[in-house]
PDB file of all heavy atoms in Angstrom:
ATOM      1  N   THR A   1     -87.033   0.367  32.884  1.00  0.00           N
ATOM      2  CA  THR A   1     -87.838  -0.456  31.983  1.00  0.00           C
ATOM      3  C   THR A   1     -86.893  -1.378  31.192  1.00  0.00           C
ATOM      4  O   THR A   1     -85.928  -0.871  30.622  1.00  0.00           O
ATOM      5  CB  THR A   1     -88.695   0.395  31.025  1.00  0.00           C
ATOM      6  OG1 THR A   1     -89.473   1.283  31.813  1.00  0.00           O
ATOM      7  CG2 THR A   1     -89.555  -0.441  30.131  1.00  0.00           C
ATOM      8  N   PRO A   2     -87.122  -2.686  31.210  1.00  0.00           N
ATOM      9  CA  PRO A   2     -86.227  -3.565  30.511  1.00  0.00           C
ATOM     10  C   PRO A   2     -85.891  -3.150  29.068  1.00  0.00           C
ATOM     11  O   PRO A   2     -86.824  -2.906  28.306  1.00  0.00           O
ATOM     12  CB  PRO A   2     -86.932  -4.927  30.511  1.00  0.00           C
ATOM     13  CG  PRO A   2     -87.832  -4.843  31.758  1.00  0.00           C
ATOM     14  CD  PRO A   2     -88.261  -3.393  31.805  1.00  0.00           C
ATOM     15  N   GLY A   3     -84.621  -3.076  28.764  1.00  0.00           N
ATOM     16  CA  GLY A   3     -84.205  -2.770  27.433  1.00  0.00           C
ATOM     17  C   GLY A   3     -83.959  -1.288  27.124  1.00  0.00           C
ATOM     18  O   GLY A   3     -83.209  -1.019  26.208  1.00  0.00           O
ATOM     19  N   THR A   4     -84.508  -0.402  27.886  1.00  0.00           N
ATOM     20  CA  THR A   4     -84.382   1.010  27.570  1.00  0.00           C
ATOM     21  C   THR A   4     -82.933   1.435  27.428  1.00  0.00           C
ATOM     22  O   THR A   4     -82.526   1.954  26.413  1.00  0.00           O
ATOM     23  CB  THR A   4     -85.102   1.899  28.586  1.00  0.00           C
ATOM     24  OG1 THR A   4     -86.531   1.605  28.598  1.00  0.00           O
ATOM     25  CG2 THR A   4     -84.903   3.355  28.290  1.00  0.00           C
ATOM     26  N   GLY A   5     -82.152   1.218  28.512  1.00  0.00           N
ATOM     27  CA  GLY A   5     -80.751   1.618  28.518  1.00  0.00           C
ATOM     28  C   GLY A   5     -79.950   0.932  27.393  1.00  0.00           C
ATOM     29  O   GLY A   5     -79.115   1.560  26.731  1.00  0.00           O
ATOM     30  N   THR A   6     -80.118  -0.363  27.249  1.00  0.00           N
ATOM     31  CA  THR A   6     -79.354  -1.099  26.261  1.00  0.00           C
ATOM     32  C   THR A   6     -79.733  -0.767  24.858  1.00  0.00           C
ATOM     33  O   THR A   6     -78.862  -0.660  23.935  1.00  0.00           O
ATOM     34  CB  THR A   6     -79.445  -2.598  26.491  1.00  0.00           C
ATOM     35  OG1 THR A   6     -80.796  -3.024  26.558  1.00  0.00           O
ATOM     36  CG2 THR A   6     -78.723  -3.047  27.768  1.00  0.00           C
ATOM     37  N   VAL A   7     -81.007  -0.556  24.584  1.00  0.00           N
ATOM     38  CA  VAL A   7     -81.387  -0.110  23.227  1.00  0.00           C
ATOM     39  C   VAL A   7     -80.882   1.266  22.922  1.00  0.00           C
ATOM     40  O   VAL A   7     -80.355   1.516  21.814  1.00  0.00           O
ATOM     41  CB  VAL A   7     -82.943  -0.188  23.044  1.00  0.00           C
ATOM     42  CG1 VAL A   7     -83.420   0.474  21.781  1.00  0.00           C
ATOM     43  CG2 VAL A   7     -83.377  -1.683  23.078  1.00  0.00           C
ATOM     44  N   ILE A   8     -80.951   2.163  23.889  1.00  0.00           N
ATOM     45  CA  ILE A   8     -80.422   3.481  23.625  1.00  0.00           C
ATOM     46  C   ILE A   8     -78.937   3.443  23.397  1.00  0.00           C
ATOM     47  O   ILE A   8     -78.381   4.064  22.475  1.00  0.00           O
ATOM     48  CB  ILE A   8     -80.766   4.504  24.790  1.00  0.00           C
ATOM     49  CG1 ILE A   8     -82.264   4.776  24.737  1.00  0.00           C
ATOM     50  CG2 ILE A   8     -79.977   5.768  24.720  1.00  0.00           C
ATOM     51  CD1 ILE A   8     -82.793   5.573  25.910  1.00  0.00           C
ATOM     52  N   ALA A   9     -78.227   2.642  24.235  1.00  0.00           N
ATOM     53  CA  ALA A   9     -76.805   2.520  24.025  1.00  0.00           C
ATOM     54  C   ALA A   9     -76.459   1.878  22.661  1.00  0.00           C
ATOM     55  O   ALA A   9     -75.505   2.266  21.982  1.00  0.00           O
ATOM     56  CB  ALA A   9     -76.170   1.653  25.117  1.00  0.00           C
ATOM     57  N   ALA A  10     -77.309   0.910  22.231  1.00  0.00           N
ATOM     58  CA  ALA A  10     -77.060   0.256  20.945  1.00  0.00           C
ATOM     59  C   ALA A  10     -77.210   1.214  19.779  1.00  0.00           C
ATOM     60  O   ALA A  10     -76.587   1.072  18.719  1.00  0.00           O
ATOM     61  CB  ALA A  10     -78.038  -0.943  20.759  1.00  0.00           C
ATOM     62  N   LEU A  11     -78.072   2.256  19.961  1.00  0.00           N
ATOM     63  CA  LEU A  11     -78.223   3.244  18.896  1.00  0.00           C
ATOM     64  C   LEU A  11     -77.202   4.371  19.024  1.00  0.00           C
ATOM     65  O   LEU A  11     -77.259   5.310  18.219  1.00  0.00           O
ATOM     66  CB  LEU A  11     -79.650   3.795  18.987  1.00  0.00           C
ATOM     67  CG  LEU A  11     -80.732   2.817  18.501  1.00  0.00           C
ATOM     68  CD1 LEU A  11     -82.113   3.319  18.799  1.00  0.00           C
ATOM     69  CD2 LEU A  11     -80.593   2.487  16.991  1.00  0.00           C
ATOM     70  N   GLY A  12     -76.373   4.316  20.030  1.00  0.00           N
ATOM     71  CA  GLY A  12     -75.379   5.381  20.210  1.00  0.00           C
ATOM     72  C   GLY A  12     -74.400   5.524  19.082  1.00  0.00           C
ATOM     73  O   GLY A  12     -73.787   6.597  18.886  1.00  0.00           O
ATOM     74  N   ASP A  13     -74.166   4.467  18.335  1.00  0.00           N
ATOM     75  CA  ASP A  13     -73.246   4.505  17.209  1.00  0.00           C
ATOM     76  C   ASP A  13     -73.867   5.067  15.949  1.00  0.00           C
ATOM     77  O   ASP A  13     -73.199   5.211  14.960  1.00  0.00           O
ATOM     78  CB  ASP A  13     -72.683   3.115  16.912  1.00  0.00           C
ATOM     79  CG  ASP A  13     -71.757   2.644  18.009  1.00  0.00           C
ATOM     80  OD1 ASP A  13     -71.148   3.476  18.680  1.00  0.00           O
ATOM     81  OD2 ASP A  13     -71.628   1.431  18.150  1.00  0.00           O
ATOM     82  N   GLY A  14     -75.201   5.338  15.988  1.00  0.00           N
ATOM     83  CA  GLY A  14     -75.826   5.885  14.798  1.00  0.00           C
ATOM     84  C   GLY A  14     -77.019   5.078  14.428  1.00  0.00           C
ATOM     85  O   GLY A  14     -77.345   4.033  15.004  1.00  0.00           O
ATOM     86  N   PRO A  15     -77.813   5.543  13.366  1.00  0.00           N
ATOM     87  CA  PRO A  15     -79.025   4.870  12.953  1.00  0.00           C
ATOM     88  C   PRO A  15     -78.783   3.432  12.550  1.00  0.00           C
ATOM     89  O   PRO A  15     -77.718   3.102  12.073  1.00  0.00           O
ATOM     90  CB  PRO A  15     -79.467   5.725  11.716  1.00  0.00           C
ATOM     91  CG  PRO A  15     -78.779   7.005  11.930  1.00  0.00           C
ATOM     92  CD  PRO A  15     -77.488   6.767  12.621  1.00  0.00           C
ATOM     93  N   ALA A  16     -79.748   2.608  12.865  1.00  0.00           N
ATOM     94  CA  ALA A  16     -79.651   1.165  12.566  1.00  0.00           C
ATOM     95  C   ALA A  16     -81.005   0.602  12.287  1.00  0.00           C
ATOM     96  O   ALA A  16     -81.971   1.039  12.889  1.00  0.00           O
ATOM     97  CB  ALA A  16     -78.957   0.465  13.700  1.00  0.00           C
ATOM     98  N   PRO A  17     -81.083  -0.435  11.380  1.00  0.00           N
ATOM     99  CA  PRO A  17     -82.352  -1.111  11.242  1.00  0.00           C
ATOM    100  C   PRO A  17     -82.602  -1.971  12.501  1.00  0.00           C
ATOM    101  O   PRO A  17     -81.645  -2.299  13.250  1.00  0.00           O
ATOM    102  CB  PRO A  17     -82.125  -2.001   9.979  1.00  0.00           C
ATOM    103  CG  PRO A  17     -80.631  -2.093   9.855  1.00  0.00           C
ATOM    104  CD  PRO A  17     -80.045  -0.861  10.489  1.00  0.00           C
ATOM    105  N   SER A  18     -83.854  -2.379  12.674  1.00  0.00           N
ATOM    106  CA  SER A  18     -84.188  -3.110  13.925  1.00  0.00           C
ATOM    107  C   SER A  18     -83.415  -4.428  14.020  1.00  0.00           C
ATOM    108  O   SER A  18     -83.015  -4.855  15.143  1.00  0.00           O
ATOM    109  CB  SER A  18     -85.683  -3.383  13.975  1.00  0.00           C
ATOM    110  OG  SER A  18     -86.125  -4.158  12.915  1.00  0.00           O
ATOM    111  N   ALA A  19     -83.078  -5.022  12.885  1.00  0.00           N
ATOM    112  CA  ALA A  19     -82.292  -6.299  12.905  1.00  0.00           C
ATOM    113  C   ALA A  19     -80.924  -6.071  13.591  1.00  0.00           C
ATOM    114  O   ALA A  19     -80.429  -6.868  14.357  1.00  0.00           O
ATOM    115  CB  ALA A  19     -82.110  -6.893  11.539  1.00  0.00           C
ATOM    116  N   ASP A  20     -80.289  -4.913  13.256  1.00  0.00           N
ATOM    117  CA  ASP A  20     -78.974  -4.609  13.822  1.00  0.00           C
ATOM    118  C   ASP A  20     -79.132  -4.308  15.321  1.00  0.00           C
ATOM    119  O   ASP A  20     -78.298  -4.705  16.132  1.00  0.00           O
ATOM    120  CB  ASP A  20     -78.344  -3.410  13.153  1.00  0.00           C
ATOM    121  CG  ASP A  20     -77.831  -3.790  11.731  1.00  0.00           C
ATOM    122  OD1 ASP A  20     -77.943  -4.933  11.301  1.00  0.00           O
ATOM    123  OD2 ASP A  20     -77.317  -2.840  11.024  1.00  0.00           O
ATOM    124  N   VAL A  21     -80.186  -3.594  15.653  1.00  0.00           N
ATOM    125  CA  VAL A  21     -80.436  -3.320  17.120  1.00  0.00           C
ATOM    126  C   VAL A  21     -80.628  -4.615  17.892  1.00  0.00           C
ATOM    127  O   VAL A  21     -80.046  -4.809  18.935  1.00  0.00           O
ATOM    128  CB  VAL A  21     -81.604  -2.337  17.326  1.00  0.00           C
ATOM    129  CG1 VAL A  21     -81.866  -2.084  18.772  1.00  0.00           C
ATOM    130  CG2 VAL A  21     -81.372  -1.020  16.579  1.00  0.00           C
ATOM    131  N   ARG A  22     -81.451  -5.516  17.312  1.00  0.00           N
ATOM    132  CA  ARG A  22     -81.663  -6.790  17.953  1.00  0.00           C
ATOM    133  C   ARG A  22     -80.382  -7.573  18.116  1.00  0.00           C
ATOM    134  O   ARG A  22     -80.151  -8.220  19.162  1.00  0.00           O
ATOM    135  CB  ARG A  22     -82.670  -7.619  17.143  1.00  0.00           C
ATOM    136  CG  ARG A  22     -84.095  -7.105  17.262  1.00  0.00           C
ATOM    137  CD  ARG A  22     -85.134  -8.077  16.703  1.00  0.00           C
ATOM    138  NE  ARG A  22     -84.840  -8.659  15.388  1.00  0.00           N
ATOM    139  CZ  ARG A  22     -85.187  -8.098  14.221  1.00  0.00           C
ATOM    140  NH1 ARG A  22     -86.009  -7.010  14.213  1.00  0.00           N
ATOM    141  NH2 ARG A  22     -84.898  -8.662  13.111  1.00  0.00           N
ATOM    142  N   ALA A  23     -79.481  -7.517  17.143  1.00  0.00           N
ATOM    143  CA  ALA A  23     -78.182  -8.239  17.250  1.00  0.00           C
ATOM    144  C   ALA A  23     -77.265  -7.628  18.318  1.00  0.00           C
ATOM    145  O   ALA A  23     -76.527  -8.350  18.938  1.00  0.00           O
ATOM    146  CB  ALA A  23     -77.508  -8.178  15.854  1.00  0.00           C
ATOM    147  N   ARG A  24     -77.422  -6.341  18.548  1.00  0.00           N
ATOM    148  CA  ARG A  24     -76.590  -5.641  19.541  1.00  0.00           C
ATOM    149  C   ARG A  24     -77.067  -5.882  20.911  1.00  0.00           C
ATOM    150  O   ARG A  24     -76.292  -5.820  21.881  1.00  0.00           O
ATOM    151  CB  ARG A  24     -76.487  -4.151  19.266  1.00  0.00           C
ATOM    152  CG  ARG A  24     -75.812  -3.798  17.959  1.00  0.00           C
ATOM    153  CD  ARG A  24     -75.939  -2.304  17.697  1.00  0.00           C
ATOM    154  NE  ARG A  24     -75.546  -1.970  16.302  1.00  0.00           N
ATOM    155  CZ  ARG A  24     -75.689  -0.778  15.754  1.00  0.00           C
ATOM    156  NH1 ARG A  24     -76.243   0.163  16.472  1.00  0.00           N
ATOM    157  NH2 ARG A  24     -75.307  -0.546  14.516  1.00  0.00           N
ATOM    158  N   VAL A  25     -78.401  -6.015  21.102  1.00  0.00           N
ATOM    159  CA  VAL A  25     -78.978  -6.122  22.435  1.00  0.00           C
ATOM    160  C   VAL A  25     -79.241  -7.585  22.669  1.00  0.00           C
ATOM    161  O   VAL A  25     -80.276  -8.105  22.334  1.00  0.00           O
ATOM    162  CB  VAL A  25     -80.292  -5.317  22.541  1.00  0.00           C
ATOM    163  CG1 VAL A  25     -80.938  -5.416  23.861  1.00  0.00           C
ATOM    164  CG2 VAL A  25     -80.016  -3.863  22.187  1.00  0.00           C
ATOM    165  N   THR A  26     -78.334  -8.227  23.335  1.00  0.00           N
ATOM    166  CA  THR A  26     -78.371  -9.642  23.484  1.00  0.00           C
ATOM    167  C   THR A  26     -79.084 -10.085  24.796  1.00  0.00           C
ATOM    168  O   THR A  26     -79.345 -11.261  24.990  1.00  0.00           O
ATOM    169  CB  THR A  26     -76.951 -10.266  23.511  1.00  0.00           C
ATOM    170  OG1 THR A  26     -76.204  -9.649  24.599  1.00  0.00           O
ATOM    171  CG2 THR A  26     -76.245 -10.038  22.192  1.00  0.00           C
ATOM    172  N   ASP A  27     -79.482  -9.127  25.659  1.00  0.00           N
ATOM    173  CA  ASP A  27     -80.114  -9.490  26.913  1.00  0.00           C
ATOM    174  C   ASP A  27     -81.592  -9.478  26.764  1.00  0.00           C
ATOM    175  O   ASP A  27     -82.302  -9.741  27.756  1.00  0.00           O
ATOM    176  CB  ASP A  27     -79.648  -8.586  28.051  1.00  0.00           C
ATOM    177  CG  ASP A  27     -79.986  -7.111  27.841  1.00  0.00           C
ATOM    178  OD1 ASP A  27     -80.031  -6.694  26.665  1.00  0.00           O
ATOM    179  OD2 ASP A  27     -80.176  -6.404  28.813  1.00  0.00           O
ATOM    180  N   LEU A  28     -82.162  -9.185  25.633  1.00  0.00           N
ATOM    181  CA  LEU A  28     -83.617  -9.243  25.397  1.00  0.00           C
ATOM    182  C   LEU A  28     -83.906 -10.077  24.225  1.00  0.00           C
ATOM    183  O   LEU A  28     -83.156 -10.148  23.259  1.00  0.00           O
ATOM    184  CB  LEU A  28     -84.112  -7.791  25.135  1.00  0.00           C
ATOM    185  CG  LEU A  28     -84.086  -6.788  26.237  1.00  0.00           C
ATOM    186  CD1 LEU A  28     -84.571  -5.422  25.728  1.00  0.00           C
ATOM    187  CD2 LEU A  28     -84.973  -7.239  27.408  1.00  0.00           C
ATOM    188  N   GLY A  29     -85.140 -10.653  24.160  1.00  0.00           N
ATOM    189  CA  GLY A  29     -85.599 -11.323  23.003  1.00  0.00           C
ATOM    190  C   GLY A  29     -85.949 -10.390  21.862  1.00  0.00           C
ATOM    191  O   GLY A  29     -86.151  -9.178  22.108  1.00  0.00           O
ATOM    192  N   ASN A  30     -86.092 -10.890  20.636  1.00  0.00           N
ATOM    193  CA  ASN A  30     -86.394 -10.045  19.522  1.00  0.00           C
ATOM    194  C   ASN A  30     -87.659  -9.223  19.665  1.00  0.00           C
ATOM    195  O   ASN A  30     -87.715  -8.082  19.388  1.00  0.00           O
ATOM    196  CB  ASN A  30     -86.431 -10.874  18.222  1.00  0.00           C
ATOM    197  CG  ASN A  30     -85.069 -11.398  17.878  1.00  0.00           C
ATOM    198  OD1 ASN A  30     -84.041 -10.885  18.240  1.00  0.00           O
ATOM    199  ND2 ASN A  30     -85.023 -12.371  16.984  1.00  0.00           N
ATOM    200  N   ASP A  31     -88.710  -9.910  20.134  1.00  0.00           N
ATOM    201  CA  ASP A  31     -90.024  -9.198  20.337  1.00  0.00           C
ATOM    202  C   ASP A  31     -89.905  -8.072  21.367  1.00  0.00           C
ATOM    203  O   ASP A  31     -90.496  -7.018  21.266  1.00  0.00           O
ATOM    204  CB  ASP A  31     -91.118 -10.172  20.724  1.00  0.00           C
ATOM    205  CG  ASP A  31     -91.487 -11.099  19.612  1.00  0.00           C
ATOM    206  OD1 ASP A  31     -91.185 -10.779  18.459  1.00  0.00           O
ATOM    207  OD2 ASP A  31     -92.096 -12.160  19.924  1.00  0.00           O
TER     208      ASP A  31
END
């Protein structure tokens, strides 16, 4: 499913607000 792996990897460094997750995951749009 698009984004699943990259979002999980982006949260691997610890808790983050959605804005930080969006900044880390550059292959998907914000929505």
